[in-house]
N, C-alpha and C. Protein backbone atom coordinates (compact mmCIF):
# COMPACT_ATOMS: atom_id res chain seq x y z
N MET A 1 -7.10 -13.73 -34.18
CA MET A 1 -7.09 -12.30 -34.37
C MET A 1 -6.01 -11.67 -33.52
N LEU A 2 -5.41 -10.62 -34.04
CA LEU A 2 -4.40 -9.89 -33.31
C LEU A 2 -5.08 -8.84 -32.43
N LYS A 3 -4.48 -8.53 -31.31
CA LYS A 3 -5.07 -7.56 -30.39
C LYS A 3 -4.15 -6.36 -30.23
N TYR A 4 -4.70 -5.18 -30.42
CA TYR A 4 -3.98 -3.93 -30.24
C TYR A 4 -4.85 -3.01 -29.40
N PRO A 5 -4.25 -2.13 -28.60
CA PRO A 5 -5.04 -1.18 -27.82
C PRO A 5 -5.85 -0.27 -28.74
N LEU A 6 -7.10 -0.02 -28.37
CA LEU A 6 -7.99 0.80 -29.17
C LEU A 6 -7.41 2.18 -29.43
N ALA A 7 -6.74 2.77 -28.47
CA ALA A 7 -6.16 4.11 -28.65
C ALA A 7 -5.13 4.13 -29.77
N VAL A 8 -4.34 3.07 -29.91
CA VAL A 8 -3.35 2.99 -30.98
C VAL A 8 -4.05 2.94 -32.34
N ILE A 9 -5.09 2.16 -32.41
CA ILE A 9 -5.85 2.02 -33.66
C ILE A 9 -6.47 3.36 -34.05
N GLU A 10 -7.14 4.02 -33.11
CA GLU A 10 -7.80 5.29 -33.41
C GLU A 10 -6.79 6.34 -33.86
N LYS A 11 -5.65 6.41 -33.20
CA LYS A 11 -4.63 7.40 -33.56
C LYS A 11 -4.14 7.16 -34.99
N ALA A 12 -3.90 5.92 -35.34
CA ALA A 12 -3.43 5.59 -36.68
C ALA A 12 -4.48 5.95 -37.73
N MET A 13 -5.74 5.75 -37.39
CA MET A 13 -6.79 5.95 -38.37
C MET A 13 -7.17 7.41 -38.55
N LEU A 14 -6.98 8.24 -37.55
CA LEU A 14 -7.39 9.63 -37.65
C LEU A 14 -6.26 10.58 -38.01
N SER A 15 -5.16 10.04 -38.52
CA SER A 15 -4.01 10.88 -38.81
C SER A 15 -4.10 11.59 -40.15
N SER A 16 -5.19 11.44 -40.87
CA SER A 16 -5.31 12.06 -42.18
C SER A 16 -6.70 12.65 -42.37
N GLN A 17 -6.77 13.87 -42.89
CA GLN A 17 -8.06 14.50 -43.17
C GLN A 17 -8.81 13.70 -44.22
N ASN A 18 -8.10 13.14 -45.19
CA ASN A 18 -8.71 12.31 -46.22
C ASN A 18 -9.46 11.15 -45.58
N LEU A 19 -8.88 10.54 -44.59
CA LEU A 19 -9.52 9.42 -43.92
C LEU A 19 -10.76 9.87 -43.16
N VAL A 20 -10.69 11.02 -42.52
CA VAL A 20 -11.85 11.52 -41.78
C VAL A 20 -13.04 11.66 -42.72
N GLU A 21 -12.80 12.14 -43.92
CA GLU A 21 -13.89 12.25 -44.90
C GLU A 21 -14.45 10.87 -45.26
N GLN A 22 -13.58 9.87 -45.42
CA GLN A 22 -14.02 8.52 -45.71
C GLN A 22 -14.82 7.94 -44.56
N VAL A 23 -14.39 8.18 -43.35
CA VAL A 23 -15.06 7.64 -42.17
C VAL A 23 -16.48 8.19 -42.07
N ASN A 24 -16.66 9.45 -42.43
CA ASN A 24 -17.99 10.04 -42.37
C ASN A 24 -19.00 9.28 -43.22
N ASP A 25 -18.54 8.64 -44.28
CA ASP A 25 -19.43 7.88 -45.16
C ASP A 25 -19.46 6.40 -44.80
N SER A 26 -18.76 5.99 -43.77
CA SER A 26 -18.63 4.58 -43.43
C SER A 26 -19.55 4.18 -42.30
N ASP A 27 -19.79 2.88 -42.26
CA ASP A 27 -20.60 2.29 -41.20
C ASP A 27 -19.70 1.63 -40.15
N PHE A 28 -18.62 0.98 -40.61
CA PHE A 28 -17.68 0.34 -39.70
C PHE A 28 -16.30 0.30 -40.32
N ILE A 29 -15.30 0.04 -39.46
CA ILE A 29 -13.90 -0.04 -39.90
C ILE A 29 -13.24 -1.21 -39.18
N GLU A 30 -12.48 -1.97 -39.95
CA GLU A 30 -11.67 -3.05 -39.38
C GLU A 30 -10.23 -2.85 -39.83
N LEU A 31 -9.29 -3.22 -38.98
CA LEU A 31 -7.88 -3.20 -39.35
C LEU A 31 -7.43 -4.63 -39.60
N TRP A 32 -6.63 -4.81 -40.64
CA TRP A 32 -6.09 -6.11 -41.01
C TRP A 32 -4.58 -5.97 -41.13
N VAL A 33 -3.85 -7.01 -40.72
CA VAL A 33 -2.39 -6.96 -40.67
C VAL A 33 -1.81 -8.18 -41.38
N ASP A 34 -0.74 -7.93 -42.13
CA ASP A 34 0.06 -9.02 -42.69
C ASP A 34 1.19 -9.26 -41.69
N PRO A 35 1.07 -10.27 -40.83
CA PRO A 35 2.04 -10.47 -39.77
C PRO A 35 3.35 -11.11 -40.23
N ILE A 36 3.42 -11.51 -41.48
CA ILE A 36 4.60 -12.21 -41.97
C ILE A 36 5.73 -11.25 -42.31
N VAL A 37 5.40 -10.08 -42.85
CA VAL A 37 6.42 -9.11 -43.24
C VAL A 37 6.77 -8.22 -42.06
N PHE A 38 7.97 -7.65 -42.09
CA PHE A 38 8.36 -6.70 -41.06
C PHE A 38 8.87 -5.43 -41.71
N PRO A 39 8.38 -4.28 -41.33
CA PRO A 39 7.31 -4.10 -40.36
C PRO A 39 5.99 -4.60 -40.95
N PRO A 40 5.05 -4.97 -40.09
CA PRO A 40 3.78 -5.51 -40.58
C PRO A 40 3.04 -4.49 -41.45
N ARG A 41 2.44 -4.97 -42.52
CA ARG A 41 1.64 -4.12 -43.39
C ARG A 41 0.22 -4.08 -42.84
N ILE A 42 -0.31 -2.89 -42.68
CA ILE A 42 -1.65 -2.72 -42.13
C ILE A 42 -2.57 -2.19 -43.23
N LEU A 43 -3.75 -2.80 -43.34
CA LEU A 43 -4.78 -2.34 -44.26
C LEU A 43 -6.06 -2.09 -43.47
N MET A 44 -6.91 -1.23 -44.01
CA MET A 44 -8.19 -0.92 -43.38
C MET A 44 -9.33 -1.35 -44.27
N LEU A 45 -10.27 -2.06 -43.71
CA LEU A 45 -11.49 -2.43 -44.42
C LEU A 45 -12.58 -1.51 -43.90
N MET A 46 -13.20 -0.74 -44.80
CA MET A 46 -14.25 0.18 -44.41
C MET A 46 -15.53 -0.20 -45.14
N GLY A 47 -16.59 -0.40 -44.37
CA GLY A 47 -17.88 -0.75 -44.94
C GLY A 47 -18.85 0.41 -44.84
N ASP A 48 -19.63 0.62 -45.91
CA ASP A 48 -20.59 1.72 -45.87
C ASP A 48 -22.01 1.19 -45.62
N LYS A 49 -22.94 2.09 -45.54
CA LYS A 49 -24.32 1.74 -45.22
C LYS A 49 -25.01 0.97 -46.34
N ASN A 50 -24.40 0.95 -47.53
CA ASN A 50 -24.95 0.22 -48.68
C ASN A 50 -24.30 -1.14 -48.87
N SER A 51 -23.55 -1.60 -47.89
CA SER A 51 -22.85 -2.90 -47.89
C SER A 51 -21.61 -2.93 -48.78
N ASN A 52 -21.22 -1.81 -49.38
CA ASN A 52 -19.97 -1.76 -50.14
C ASN A 52 -18.82 -1.73 -49.16
N CYS A 53 -17.73 -2.40 -49.51
CA CYS A 53 -16.55 -2.43 -48.63
C CYS A 53 -15.31 -2.11 -49.43
N GLY A 54 -14.54 -1.16 -48.92
CA GLY A 54 -13.28 -0.79 -49.55
C GLY A 54 -12.12 -1.15 -48.64
N ILE A 55 -11.01 -1.48 -49.27
CA ILE A 55 -9.79 -1.78 -48.53
C ILE A 55 -8.79 -0.68 -48.86
N TYR A 56 -8.29 -0.03 -47.82
CA TYR A 56 -7.40 1.11 -47.96
C TYR A 56 -6.06 0.82 -47.32
N GLU A 57 -5.02 1.38 -47.92
CA GLU A 57 -3.68 1.31 -47.33
C GLU A 57 -3.45 2.63 -46.61
N PRO A 58 -3.22 2.59 -45.28
CA PRO A 58 -3.09 3.84 -44.53
C PRO A 58 -1.72 4.50 -44.61
N SER A 59 -1.12 4.47 -45.77
CA SER A 59 0.10 5.24 -45.97
C SER A 59 -0.31 6.52 -46.68
N PRO A 60 0.58 7.42 -46.98
CA PRO A 60 0.31 8.83 -47.20
C PRO A 60 -1.13 9.28 -47.45
N ASN A 61 -1.81 8.74 -48.42
CA ASN A 61 -3.12 9.30 -48.77
C ASN A 61 -4.27 8.29 -48.69
N TYR A 62 -4.10 7.24 -47.95
CA TYR A 62 -5.15 6.23 -47.80
C TYR A 62 -5.69 5.78 -49.16
N GLN A 63 -4.78 5.19 -49.93
CA GLN A 63 -5.09 4.73 -51.28
C GLN A 63 -6.06 3.55 -51.23
N LEU A 64 -7.09 3.60 -52.09
CA LEU A 64 -8.03 2.51 -52.21
C LEU A 64 -7.38 1.37 -53.00
N LEU A 65 -7.31 0.18 -52.41
CA LEU A 65 -6.70 -0.98 -53.06
C LEU A 65 -7.74 -1.91 -53.66
N PHE A 66 -8.92 -1.97 -53.05
CA PHE A 66 -9.96 -2.90 -53.50
C PHE A 66 -11.32 -2.34 -53.10
N LEU A 67 -12.30 -2.47 -53.99
CA LEU A 67 -13.66 -2.08 -53.67
C LEU A 67 -14.58 -3.23 -54.05
N GLY A 68 -15.32 -3.72 -53.07
CA GLY A 68 -16.24 -4.83 -53.31
C GLY A 68 -17.67 -4.44 -52.98
N SER A 69 -18.61 -5.20 -53.51
CA SER A 69 -20.02 -4.89 -53.27
C SER A 69 -20.56 -5.58 -52.03
N SER A 70 -19.68 -6.30 -51.31
CA SER A 70 -20.11 -6.95 -50.08
C SER A 70 -18.92 -7.15 -49.15
N TYR A 71 -19.23 -7.39 -47.89
CA TYR A 71 -18.18 -7.68 -46.91
C TYR A 71 -17.45 -8.96 -47.30
N ASP A 72 -18.20 -9.96 -47.76
CA ASP A 72 -17.59 -11.25 -48.12
C ASP A 72 -16.53 -11.10 -49.21
N GLU A 73 -16.78 -10.24 -50.20
CA GLU A 73 -15.79 -10.02 -51.26
C GLU A 73 -14.50 -9.43 -50.69
N ALA A 74 -14.65 -8.40 -49.86
CA ALA A 74 -13.46 -7.76 -49.27
C ALA A 74 -12.75 -8.71 -48.32
N HIS A 75 -13.50 -9.44 -47.54
CA HIS A 75 -12.95 -10.41 -46.59
C HIS A 75 -12.14 -11.47 -47.34
N SER A 76 -12.67 -11.98 -48.41
CA SER A 76 -11.97 -12.99 -49.22
C SER A 76 -10.69 -12.43 -49.81
N TRP A 77 -10.74 -11.18 -50.27
CA TRP A 77 -9.57 -10.54 -50.85
C TRP A 77 -8.45 -10.48 -49.83
N LEU A 78 -8.77 -10.13 -48.59
CA LEU A 78 -7.76 -10.05 -47.53
C LEU A 78 -7.23 -11.43 -47.14
N LEU A 79 -8.11 -12.40 -47.03
CA LEU A 79 -7.69 -13.74 -46.65
C LEU A 79 -6.81 -14.39 -47.72
N GLU A 80 -7.05 -14.04 -48.97
CA GLU A 80 -6.25 -14.56 -50.08
C GLU A 80 -4.77 -14.27 -49.87
N ASP A 81 -4.47 -13.10 -49.34
CA ASP A 81 -3.09 -12.69 -49.10
C ASP A 81 -2.68 -12.93 -47.65
N GLU A 82 -3.46 -13.71 -46.94
CA GLU A 82 -3.16 -14.15 -45.58
C GLU A 82 -3.07 -13.02 -44.55
N TYR A 83 -3.89 -11.99 -44.74
CA TYR A 83 -4.00 -10.96 -43.72
C TYR A 83 -4.82 -11.50 -42.56
N GLU A 84 -4.55 -10.95 -41.37
CA GLU A 84 -5.28 -11.34 -40.17
C GLU A 84 -5.98 -10.11 -39.62
N ARG A 85 -7.23 -10.29 -39.19
CA ARG A 85 -7.99 -9.17 -38.66
C ARG A 85 -7.54 -8.83 -37.25
N VAL A 86 -7.36 -7.54 -37.00
CA VAL A 86 -7.08 -7.07 -35.65
C VAL A 86 -8.36 -7.20 -34.85
N ASP A 87 -8.25 -7.63 -33.61
CA ASP A 87 -9.41 -7.89 -32.76
C ASP A 87 -10.31 -6.66 -32.66
N GLY A 88 -11.56 -6.84 -32.99
CA GLY A 88 -12.55 -5.79 -32.82
C GLY A 88 -12.92 -5.08 -34.10
N ARG A 89 -14.02 -4.37 -34.02
CA ARG A 89 -14.52 -3.57 -35.13
C ARG A 89 -14.94 -2.24 -34.55
N LEU A 90 -14.58 -1.17 -35.25
CA LEU A 90 -14.95 0.16 -34.81
C LEU A 90 -16.14 0.65 -35.62
N LEU A 91 -17.12 1.19 -34.95
CA LEU A 91 -18.21 1.86 -35.65
C LEU A 91 -17.74 3.26 -35.97
N ALA A 92 -18.01 3.70 -37.19
CA ALA A 92 -17.55 5.02 -37.61
C ALA A 92 -18.06 6.10 -36.66
N SER A 93 -19.26 5.94 -36.16
CA SER A 93 -19.83 6.96 -35.27
C SER A 93 -19.05 7.08 -33.95
N GLU A 94 -18.27 6.07 -33.59
CA GLU A 94 -17.51 6.11 -32.36
C GLU A 94 -16.21 6.90 -32.47
N ILE A 95 -15.72 7.12 -33.68
CA ILE A 95 -14.42 7.76 -33.84
C ILE A 95 -14.47 9.11 -34.53
N VAL A 96 -15.62 9.53 -34.99
CA VAL A 96 -15.73 10.82 -35.66
C VAL A 96 -16.25 11.84 -34.69
């Protein structure tokens, strides 16, 4: 897993009002990085209280790229493209 300072992660994630609305409905958030490309592509995996997990691209409007009915589905989708999880998981309640 890649390690980034928590403050950097929070700043990146709270830069959009659209994202704040998504976070309010989420249970947890993970950041995933494609370390092969430069600059690295960052995606966000957000899980809700019903076990649904969406993968968002944090560019202009936090576009939904994938929606799965479980963490395992979203996790597999990310691993398929060789993304690596950034160390740690944020609880939505900690950043809103």
